[in-house]
Amino acid sequence: MITAIIVDDERINIDNLQALLARHCEDIEVVATAINADEAKVLILELGPDVVFLDIDMPGKNGFDLLRLIKDPAFDVVFVTAYDAYGIMAVKFSALDYLLKPINIADLKDTVARIVQSVHAKRYNLRLNNLLKLLDSTLPYEQQKIALPTLKETYLVPVRDIIRCSSSNNYTTFFLTNGTEHLISKPLYEYDELLSPYGFIRCHQSHLVNKAHVISILNEDSGYLVMDYGNQKVPISKQKKSSIKMLLKL
């Protein structure tokens, strides 16, 4: 059994999630609940749960404040939050699990399945560490990292080291400046949303490029972007060619 603690300032939300877990997720045992960060800290340190279902937006200390109170958290976290909650983009950037209110049963089952299968449940959580770094500092672009969870392990990659991303069905391949590639089981549009504020351009339905690594545009066919590592050529869709040129000032 995977042990869990639910943290939410509204008792009705706790009762609802606890009922859904009992009904649909037999591998999860809720060992405690808490309505604020201070109470949750005591329970976490005492019980050592495998996972904490954590509301972000709580009065006083919020969910992130709770994580700051615990040194080297050795548990997984599932954030339970509204779509537009503070910090939700940082959660996505760190490849952490989250559920949107009201909770969808299929999403809950998928999330719990990942937690059950996780080999990191009782280990120092690098993704949480990355999340807190993003939230607690104004790191310059070149120092910020994104979590890339592959089947075997999670890589924390500096954004500046990503040359481009390409998609195939619901998978995205990251091409890095050191020559390595990482295949991630998430669709490209999710990374388009996360990386566009960092100068990434969706030049094609299947391609996302780091503007900092583009060196020229080839006018063959509908056009190609030439990248600065290995002279990789990335196709441009006809509809986006003029806007891409304007963005790149080429």
C-alpha atoms as a PDB file:
ATOM      1  CA  MET A   1       0.000   0.000   0.000  1.00  0.00           C
ATOM      2  CA  ILE A   2       1.057   3.565  -0.736  1.00  0.00           C
ATOM      3  CA  THR A   3       0.489   5.801   2.287  1.00  0.00           C
ATOM      4  CA  ALA A   4      -0.879   9.305   1.736  1.00  0.00           C
ATOM      5  CA  ILE A   5      -1.646  12.519   3.593  1.00  0.00           C
ATOM      6  CA  ILE A   6      -4.205  15.014   2.266  1.00  0.00           C
ATOM      7  CA  VAL A   7      -3.626  18.708   2.994  1.00  0.00           C
ATOM      8  CA  ASP A   8      -6.382  21.232   2.241  1.00  0.00           C
ATOM      9  CA  ASP A   9      -7.841  24.122   4.226  1.00  0.00           C
ATOM     10  CA  GLU A  10     -11.407  23.101   3.290  1.00  0.00           C
ATOM     11  CA  ARG A  11     -12.726  19.970   4.972  1.00  0.00           C
ATOM     12  CA  ILE A  12     -15.215  19.316   2.162  1.00  0.00           C
ATOM     13  CA  ASN A  13     -12.335  19.042  -0.320  1.00  0.00           C
ATOM     14  CA  ILE A  14     -10.507  16.604   1.964  1.00  0.00           C
ATOM     15  CA  ASP A  15     -13.610  14.451   2.363  1.00  0.00           C
ATOM     16  CA  ASN A  16     -14.261  14.461  -1.390  1.00  0.00           C
ATOM     17  CA  LEU A  17     -10.705  13.431  -2.324  1.00  0.00           C
ATOM     18  CA  GLN A  18     -10.587  10.819   0.429  1.00  0.00           C
ATOM     19  CA  ALA A  19     -13.831   9.304  -0.856  1.00  0.00           C
ATOM     20  CA  LEU A  20     -12.580   9.250  -4.461  1.00  0.00           C
ATOM     21  CA  LEU A  21      -9.341   7.555  -3.430  1.00  0.00           C
ATOM     22  CA  ALA A  22     -11.199   4.944  -1.384  1.00  0.00           C
ATOM     23  CA  ARG A  23     -13.572   4.226  -4.253  1.00  0.00           C
ATOM     24  CA  HIS A  24     -11.192   4.272  -7.221  1.00  0.00           C
ATOM     25  CA  CYS A  25      -7.600   3.823  -5.981  1.00  0.00           C
ATOM     26  CA  GLU A  26      -7.213   0.707  -3.865  1.00  0.00           C
ATOM     27  CA  ASP A  27      -3.418   1.040  -3.689  1.00  0.00           C
ATOM     28  CA  ILE A  28      -3.637   4.283  -1.693  1.00  0.00           C
ATOM     29  CA  GLU A  29      -4.178   4.376   2.077  1.00  0.00           C
ATOM     30  CA  VAL A  30      -4.905   7.825   3.527  1.00  0.00           C
ATOM     31  CA  VAL A  31      -3.184   7.780   6.929  1.00  0.00           C
ATOM     32  CA  ALA A  32      -3.889  11.394   7.932  1.00  0.00           C
ATOM     33  CA  THR A  33      -5.370  14.706   6.842  1.00  0.00           C
ATOM     34  CA  ALA A  34      -4.468  18.292   7.721  1.00  0.00           C
ATOM     35  CA  ILE A  35      -6.138  21.672   7.232  1.00  0.00           C
ATOM     36  CA  ASN A  36      -3.021  23.865   7.409  1.00  0.00           C
ATOM     37  CA  ALA A  37       0.718  23.760   6.721  1.00  0.00           C
ATOM     38  CA  ASP A  38       1.879  23.641  10.341  1.00  0.00           C
ATOM     39  CA  GLU A  39      -0.356  20.676  11.161  1.00  0.00           C
ATOM     40  CA  ALA A  40       0.711  18.951   7.946  1.00  0.00           C
ATOM     41  CA  LYS A  41       4.423  19.373   8.736  1.00  0.00           C
ATOM     42  CA  VAL A  42       4.027  17.557  12.062  1.00  0.00           C
ATOM     43  CA  LEU A  43       2.111  14.696  10.435  1.00  0.00           C
ATOM     44  CA  ILE A  44       4.566  14.334   7.551  1.00  0.00           C
ATOM     45  CA  LEU A  45       7.587  14.181   9.845  1.00  0.00           C
ATOM     46  CA  GLU A  46       5.823  11.735  12.168  1.00  0.00           C
ATOM     47  CA  LEU A  47       4.255   9.388   9.603  1.00  0.00           C
ATOM     48  CA  GLY A  48       6.645   9.614   6.629  1.00  0.00           C
ATOM     49  CA  PRO A  49       4.015   9.229   3.874  1.00  0.00           C
ATOM     50  CA  ASP A  50       4.828   8.084   0.359  1.00  0.00           C
ATOM     51  CA  VAL A  51       2.761  10.886  -1.169  1.00  0.00           C
ATOM     52  CA  VAL A  52       1.128  14.136  -0.087  1.00  0.00           C
ATOM     53  CA  PHE A  53      -1.948  15.451  -1.900  1.00  0.00           C
ATOM     54  CA  LEU A  54      -1.381  19.165  -1.400  1.00  0.00           C
ATOM     55  CA  ASP A  55      -3.612  22.164  -1.980  1.00  0.00           C
ATOM     56  CA  ILE A  56      -1.574  25.151  -3.171  1.00  0.00           C
ATOM     57  CA  ASP A  57      -3.863  28.020  -2.210  1.00  0.00           C
ATOM     58  CA  MET A  58      -4.294  27.962   1.572  1.00  0.00           C
ATOM     59  CA  PRO A  59      -4.539  30.943   3.966  1.00  0.00           C
ATOM     60  CA  GLY A  60      -1.435  31.753   5.974  1.00  0.00           C
ATOM     61  CA  LYS A  61       1.221  29.326   4.756  1.00  0.00           C
ATOM     62  CA  ASN A  62       0.364  27.933   1.329  1.00  0.00           C
ATOM     63  CA  GLY A  63       1.348  24.570  -0.136  1.00  0.00           C
ATOM     64  CA  PHE A  64       4.737  25.777  -1.302  1.00  0.00           C
ATOM     65  CA  ASP A  65       5.477  27.216   2.141  1.00  0.00           C
ATOM     66  CA  LEU A  66       4.847  23.766   3.596  1.00  0.00           C
ATOM     67  CA  LEU A  67       7.438  22.242   1.277  1.00  0.00           C
ATOM     68  CA  ARG A  68       9.942  24.902   2.327  1.00  0.00           C
ATOM     69  CA  LEU A  69       9.493  23.791   5.945  1.00  0.00           C
ATOM     70  CA  ILE A  70      10.666  20.240   5.183  1.00  0.00           C
ATOM     71  CA  LYS A  71      14.331  19.663   4.386  1.00  0.00           C
ATOM     72  CA  ASP A  72      15.042  17.183   1.581  1.00  0.00           C
ATOM     73  CA  PRO A  73      11.463  15.871   1.171  1.00  0.00           C
ATOM     74  CA  ALA A  74      11.496  12.083   0.654  1.00  0.00           C
ATOM     75  CA  PHE A  75       7.928  11.831  -0.628  1.00  0.00           C
ATOM     76  CA  ASP A  76       6.036  12.480  -3.824  1.00  0.00           C
ATOM     77  CA  VAL A  77       3.626  15.393  -4.091  1.00  0.00           C
ATOM     78  CA  VAL A  78       0.409  15.711  -6.057  1.00  0.00           C
ATOM     79  CA  PHE A  79      -0.742  19.317  -6.137  1.00  0.00           C
ATOM     80  CA  VAL A  80      -4.516  19.779  -6.052  1.00  0.00           C
ATOM     81  CA  THR A  81      -5.347  23.209  -7.377  1.00  0.00           C
ATOM     82  CA  ALA A  82      -7.289  25.534  -9.637  1.00  0.00           C
ATOM     83  CA  TYR A  83      -6.095  25.991 -13.223  1.00  0.00           C
ATOM     84  CA  ASP A  84      -4.921  29.574 -12.702  1.00  0.00           C
ATOM     85  CA  ALA A  85      -3.366  29.070  -9.260  1.00  0.00           C
ATOM     86  CA  TYR A  86      -0.145  30.828  -8.325  1.00  0.00           C
ATOM     87  CA  GLY A  87       2.857  28.692  -9.220  1.00  0.00           C
ATOM     88  CA  ILE A  88       1.066  26.207 -11.480  1.00  0.00           C
ATOM     89  CA  MET A  89       3.469  26.920 -14.371  1.00  0.00           C
ATOM     90  CA  ALA A  90       6.452  26.219 -12.083  1.00  0.00           C
ATOM     91  CA  VAL A  91       4.788  22.930 -11.118  1.00  0.00           C
ATOM     92  CA  LYS A  92       4.495  21.981 -14.796  1.00  0.00           C
ATOM     93  CA  PHE A  93       8.068  23.161 -15.492  1.00  0.00           C
ATOM     94  CA  SER A  94       9.291  20.769 -12.802  1.00  0.00           C
ATOM     95  CA  ALA A  95       7.265  17.852 -14.246  1.00  0.00           C
ATOM     96  CA  LEU A  96       5.359  17.346 -11.006  1.00  0.00           C
ATOM     97  CA  ASP A  97       1.932  15.769 -10.783  1.00  0.00           C
ATOM     98  CA  TYR A  98      -1.129  17.945 -10.271  1.00  0.00           C
ATOM     99  CA  LEU A  99      -4.914  17.582 -10.273  1.00  0.00           C
ATOM    100  CA  LEU A 100      -7.301  20.361 -11.194  1.00  0.00           C
ATOM    101  CA  LYS A 101     -10.409  21.072  -9.153  1.00  0.00           C
ATOM    102  CA  PRO A 102     -13.022  19.670  -9.549  1.00  0.00           C
ATOM    103  CA  ILE A 103     -11.098  16.393  -9.664  1.00  0.00           C
ATOM    104  CA  ASN A 104     -11.574  14.223 -12.733  1.00  0.00           C
ATOM    105  CA  ILE A 105     -11.657  10.509 -11.834  1.00  0.00           C
ATOM    106  CA  ALA A 106      -9.665   9.418 -14.895  1.00  0.00           C
ATOM    107  CA  ASP A 107      -6.944  11.982 -14.103  1.00  0.00           C
ATOM    108  CA  LEU A 108      -6.887  10.808 -10.484  1.00  0.00           C
ATOM    109  CA  LYS A 109      -6.447   7.165 -11.525  1.00  0.00           C
ATOM    110  CA  ASP A 110      -3.634   8.045 -13.965  1.00  0.00           C
ATOM    111  CA  THR A 111      -1.833  10.129 -11.351  1.00  0.00           C
ATOM    112  CA  VAL A 112      -2.072   7.442  -8.676  1.00  0.00           C
ATOM    113  CA  ALA A 113      -0.820   4.822 -11.148  1.00  0.00           C
ATOM    114  CA  ARG A 114       2.304   6.933 -11.752  1.00  0.00           C
ATOM    115  CA  ILE A 115       2.858   7.341  -8.021  1.00  0.00           C
ATOM    116  CA  VAL A 116       2.509   3.599  -7.386  1.00  0.00           C
ATOM    117  CA  GLN A 117       5.028   2.808 -10.116  1.00  0.00           C
ATOM    118  CA  SER A 118       7.473   5.521  -9.108  1.00  0.00           C
ATOM    119  CA  VAL A 119      10.901   4.356  -8.022  1.00  0.00           C
ATOM    120  CA  HIS A 120      11.461   7.731  -6.371  1.00  0.00           C
ATOM    121  CA  ALA A 121       8.782   7.511  -3.667  1.00  0.00           C
ATOM    122  CA  LYS A 122      11.225   7.343  -0.746  1.00  0.00           C
ATOM    123  CA  ARG A 123      14.121   9.231  -2.261  1.00  0.00           C
ATOM    124  CA  TYR A 124      15.128  12.893  -2.265  1.00  0.00           C
ATOM    125  CA  ASN A 125      12.837  14.490  -4.805  1.00  0.00           C
ATOM    126  CA  LEU A 126      14.842  16.439  -7.389  1.00  0.00           C
ATOM    127  CA  ARG A 127      11.682  17.726  -9.041  1.00  0.00           C
ATOM    128  CA  LEU A 128      10.489  19.333  -5.810  1.00  0.00           C
ATOM    129  CA  ASN A 129      13.903  20.886  -5.340  1.00  0.00           C
ATOM    130  CA  ASN A 130      13.737  22.374  -8.821  1.00  0.00           C
ATOM    131  CA  LEU A 131      10.225  23.712  -8.156  1.00  0.00           C
ATOM    132  CA  LEU A 132      11.310  25.520  -4.992  1.00  0.00           C
ATOM    133  CA  LYS A 133      14.321  27.042  -6.761  1.00  0.00           C
ATOM    134  CA  LEU A 134      12.025  28.398  -9.470  1.00  0.00           C
ATOM    135  CA  LEU A 135       9.597  29.826  -6.921  1.00  0.00           C
ATOM    136  CA  ASP A 136      12.093  31.239  -4.432  1.00  0.00           C
ATOM    137  CA  SER A 137      14.457  33.138  -6.676  1.00  0.00           C
ATOM    138  CA  THR A 138      14.664  35.321  -9.716  1.00  0.00           C
ATOM    139  CA  LEU A 139      17.106  33.078 -11.506  1.00  0.00           C
ATOM    140  CA  PRO A 140      18.285  34.476 -14.833  1.00  0.00           C
ATOM    141  CA  TYR A 141      17.137  32.615 -17.921  1.00  0.00           C
ATOM    142  CA  GLU A 142      20.483  30.898 -18.458  1.00  0.00           C
ATOM    143  CA  GLN A 143      20.365  29.283 -15.003  1.00  0.00           C
ATOM    144  CA  GLN A 144      16.779  27.994 -15.006  1.00  0.00           C
ATOM    145  CA  LYS A 145      16.244  24.273 -15.478  1.00  0.00           C
ATOM    146  CA  ILE A 146      13.355  22.179 -16.716  1.00  0.00           C
ATOM    147  CA  ALA A 147      12.647  18.627 -15.511  1.00  0.00           C
ATOM    148  CA  LEU A 148      12.560  16.028 -18.301  1.00  0.00           C
ATOM    149  CA  PRO A 149      11.123  12.724 -17.003  1.00  0.00           C
ATOM    150  CA  THR A 150      12.179   9.760 -19.139  1.00  0.00           C
ATOM    151  CA  LEU A 151      11.309   6.120 -18.460  1.00  0.00           C
ATOM    152  CA  LYS A 152      14.548   5.496 -16.557  1.00  0.00           C
ATOM    153  CA  GLU A 153      15.223   8.788 -14.782  1.00  0.00           C
ATOM    154  CA  THR A 154      14.443  12.498 -14.585  1.00  0.00           C
ATOM    155  CA  TYR A 155      16.957  14.965 -16.022  1.00  0.00           C
ATOM    156  CA  LEU A 156      17.184  18.594 -14.889  1.00  0.00           C
ATOM    157  CA  VAL A 157      18.273  20.421 -18.033  1.00  0.00           C
ATOM    158  CA  PRO A 158      19.229  24.105 -18.319  1.00  0.00           C
ATOM    159  CA  VAL A 159      16.780  25.768 -20.704  1.00  0.00           C
ATOM    160  CA  ARG A 160      19.658  27.352 -22.622  1.00  0.00           C
ATOM    161  CA  ASP A 161      20.991  23.864 -23.508  1.00  0.00           C
ATOM    162  CA  ILE A 162      17.834  22.884 -25.426  1.00  0.00           C
ATOM    163  CA  ILE A 163      18.359  23.354 -29.163  1.00  0.00           C
ATOM    164  CA  ARG A 164      14.954  22.163 -30.302  1.00  0.00           C
ATOM    165  CA  CYS A 165      12.076  19.767 -29.670  1.00  0.00           C
ATOM    166  CA  SER A 166      10.234  17.551 -32.123  1.00  0.00           C
ATOM    167  CA  SER A 167       7.032  15.583 -31.703  1.00  0.00           C
ATOM    168  CA  SER A 168       5.773  12.182 -32.731  1.00  0.00           C
ATOM    169  CA  ASN A 169       2.205  11.456 -31.664  1.00  0.00           C
ATOM    170  CA  ASN A 170       2.126  12.066 -27.899  1.00  0.00           C
ATOM    171  CA  TYR A 171       5.899  12.000 -27.456  1.00  0.00           C
ATOM    172  CA  THR A 172       8.426  14.838 -27.548  1.00  0.00           C
ATOM    173  CA  THR A 173      12.151  14.474 -28.258  1.00  0.00           C
ATOM    174  CA  PHE A 174      14.533  17.074 -26.812  1.00  0.00           C
ATOM    175  CA  PHE A 175      17.810  17.757 -28.665  1.00  0.00           C
ATOM    176  CA  LEU A 176      20.530  19.204 -26.415  1.00  0.00           C
ATOM    177  CA  THR A 177      23.774  21.063 -27.040  1.00  0.00           C
ATOM    178  CA  ASN A 178      25.860  18.164 -25.676  1.00  0.00           C
ATOM    179  CA  GLY A 179      24.526  15.906 -28.442  1.00  0.00           C
ATOM    180  CA  THR A 180      22.142  13.895 -26.272  1.00  0.00           C
ATOM    181  CA  GLU A 181      18.446  13.326 -26.950  1.00  0.00           C
ATOM    182  CA  HIS A 182      15.667  12.696 -24.440  1.00  0.00           C
ATOM    183  CA  LEU A 183      12.306  11.135 -25.355  1.00  0.00           C
ATOM    184  CA  ILE A 184       9.480  12.327 -23.090  1.00  0.00           C
ATOM    185  CA  SER A 185       5.970  10.872 -23.052  1.00  0.00           C
ATOM    186  CA  LYS A 186       4.219  14.242 -23.262  1.00  0.00           C
ATOM    187  CA  PRO A 187       2.856  16.076 -26.325  1.00  0.00           C
ATOM    188  CA  LEU A 188       4.702  19.022 -27.830  1.00  0.00           C
ATOM    189  CA  TYR A 189       1.965  21.559 -27.100  1.00  0.00           C
ATOM    190  CA  GLU A 190       2.635  21.218 -23.350  1.00  0.00           C
ATOM    191  CA  TYR A 191       6.268  22.234 -23.837  1.00  0.00           C
ATOM    192  CA  ASP A 192       5.254  24.990 -26.246  1.00  0.00           C
ATOM    193  CA  GLU A 193       3.252  26.526 -23.394  1.00  0.00           C
ATOM    194  CA  LEU A 194       6.111  26.131 -20.905  1.00  0.00           C
ATOM    195  CA  LEU A 195       9.001  27.253 -23.105  1.00  0.00           C
ATOM    196  CA  SER A 196       7.527  30.082 -25.198  1.00  0.00           C
ATOM    197  CA  PRO A 197       8.318  32.647 -22.430  1.00  0.00           C
ATOM    198  CA  TYR A 198      11.979  31.586 -22.778  1.00  0.00           C
ATOM    199  CA  GLY A 199      12.279  32.467 -26.452  1.00  0.00           C
ATOM    200  CA  PHE A 200      11.119  29.195 -28.006  1.00  0.00           C
ATOM    201  CA  ILE A 201       9.186  29.363 -31.296  1.00  0.00           C
ATOM    202  CA  ARG A 202       6.639  26.873 -32.648  1.00  0.00           C
ATOM    203  CA  CYS A 203       7.786  26.980 -36.272  1.00  0.00           C
ATOM    204  CA  HIS A 204       5.826  23.901 -37.316  1.00  0.00           C
ATOM    205  CA  GLN A 205       3.128  21.637 -35.913  1.00  0.00           C
ATOM    206  CA  SER A 206       5.825  19.082 -35.061  1.00  0.00           C
ATOM    207  CA  HIS A 207       8.723  21.369 -34.148  1.00  0.00           C
ATOM    208  CA  LEU A 208       9.666  23.832 -31.410  1.00  0.00           C
ATOM    209  CA  VAL A 209      13.012  25.650 -31.569  1.00  0.00           C
ATOM    210  CA  ASN A 210      15.135  27.741 -29.220  1.00  0.00           C
ATOM    211  CA  LYS A 211      15.477  31.135 -30.901  1.00  0.00           C
ATOM    212  CA  ALA A 212      18.932  31.553 -29.348  1.00  0.00           C
ATOM    213  CA  HIS A 213      20.253  28.614 -31.408  1.00  0.00           C
ATOM    214  CA  VAL A 214      18.890  29.672 -34.823  1.00  0.00           C
ATOM    215  CA  ILE A 215      21.602  30.934 -37.193  1.00  0.00           C
ATOM    216  CA  SER A 216      19.774  31.284 -40.541  1.00  0.00           C
ATOM    217  CA  ILE A 217      16.704  30.553 -42.666  1.00  0.00           C
ATOM    218  CA  LEU A 218      16.935  28.451 -45.802  1.00  0.00           C
ATOM    219  CA  ASN A 219      14.465  29.419 -48.516  1.00  0.00           C
ATOM    220  CA  GLU A 220      14.093  25.890 -49.872  1.00  0.00           C
ATOM    221  CA  ASP A 221      10.514  24.594 -50.135  1.00  0.00           C
ATOM    222  CA  SER A 222       8.483  26.355 -47.427  1.00  0.00           C
ATOM    223  CA  GLY A 223      11.685  27.164 -45.561  1.00  0.00           C
ATOM    224  CA  TYR A 224      13.966  25.686 -42.912  1.00  0.00           C
ATOM    225  CA  LEU A 225      15.593  27.021 -39.767  1.00  0.00           C
ATOM    226  CA  VAL A 226      19.278  26.134 -39.467  1.00  0.00           C
ATOM    227  CA  MET A 227      20.422  25.520 -35.895  1.00  0.00           C
ATOM    228  CA  ASP A 228      23.904  26.276 -34.578  1.00  0.00           C
ATOM    229  CA  TYR A 229      24.739  22.739 -33.380  1.00  0.00           C
ATOM    230  CA  GLY A 230      25.316  20.275 -36.192  1.00  0.00           C
ATOM    231  CA  ASN A 231      23.599  22.543 -38.721  1.00  0.00           C
ATOM    232  CA  GLN A 232      20.321  20.784 -37.992  1.00  0.00           C
ATOM    233  CA  LYS A 233      17.527  21.840 -40.378  1.00  0.00           C
ATOM    234  CA  VAL A 234      14.030  22.308 -38.988  1.00  0.00           C
ATOM    235  CA  PRO A 235      11.072  22.796 -41.347  1.00  0.00           C
ATOM    236  CA  ILE A 236       8.862  25.894 -41.191  1.00  0.00           C
ATOM    237  CA  SER A 237       5.163  25.664 -42.003  1.00  0.00           C
ATOM    238  CA  LYS A 238       4.033  27.867 -44.899  1.00  0.00           C
ATOM    239  CA  GLN A 239       1.543  29.711 -42.700  1.00  0.00           C
ATOM    240  CA  LYS A 240       4.223  30.696 -40.183  1.00  0.00           C
ATOM    241  CA  LYS A 241       7.119  31.642 -42.454  1.00  0.00           C
ATOM    242  CA  SER A 242       6.553  35.410 -42.501  1.00  0.00           C
ATOM    243  CA  SER A 243       5.865  35.641 -38.756  1.00  0.00           C
ATOM    244  CA  ILE A 244       8.949  33.517 -38.004  1.00  0.00           C
ATOM    245  CA  LYS A 245      11.121  35.886 -40.041  1.00  0.00           C
ATOM    246  CA  MET A 246       9.745  38.848 -38.140  1.00  0.00           C
ATOM    247  CA  LEU A 247      10.388  37.172 -34.770  1.00  0.00           C
ATOM    248  CA  LEU A 248      13.948  36.288 -35.727  1.00  0.00           C
ATOM    249  CA  LYS A 249      14.551  39.596 -37.513  1.00  0.00           C
ATOM    250  CA  LEU A 250      16.085  37.713 -40.444  1.00  0.00           C
END
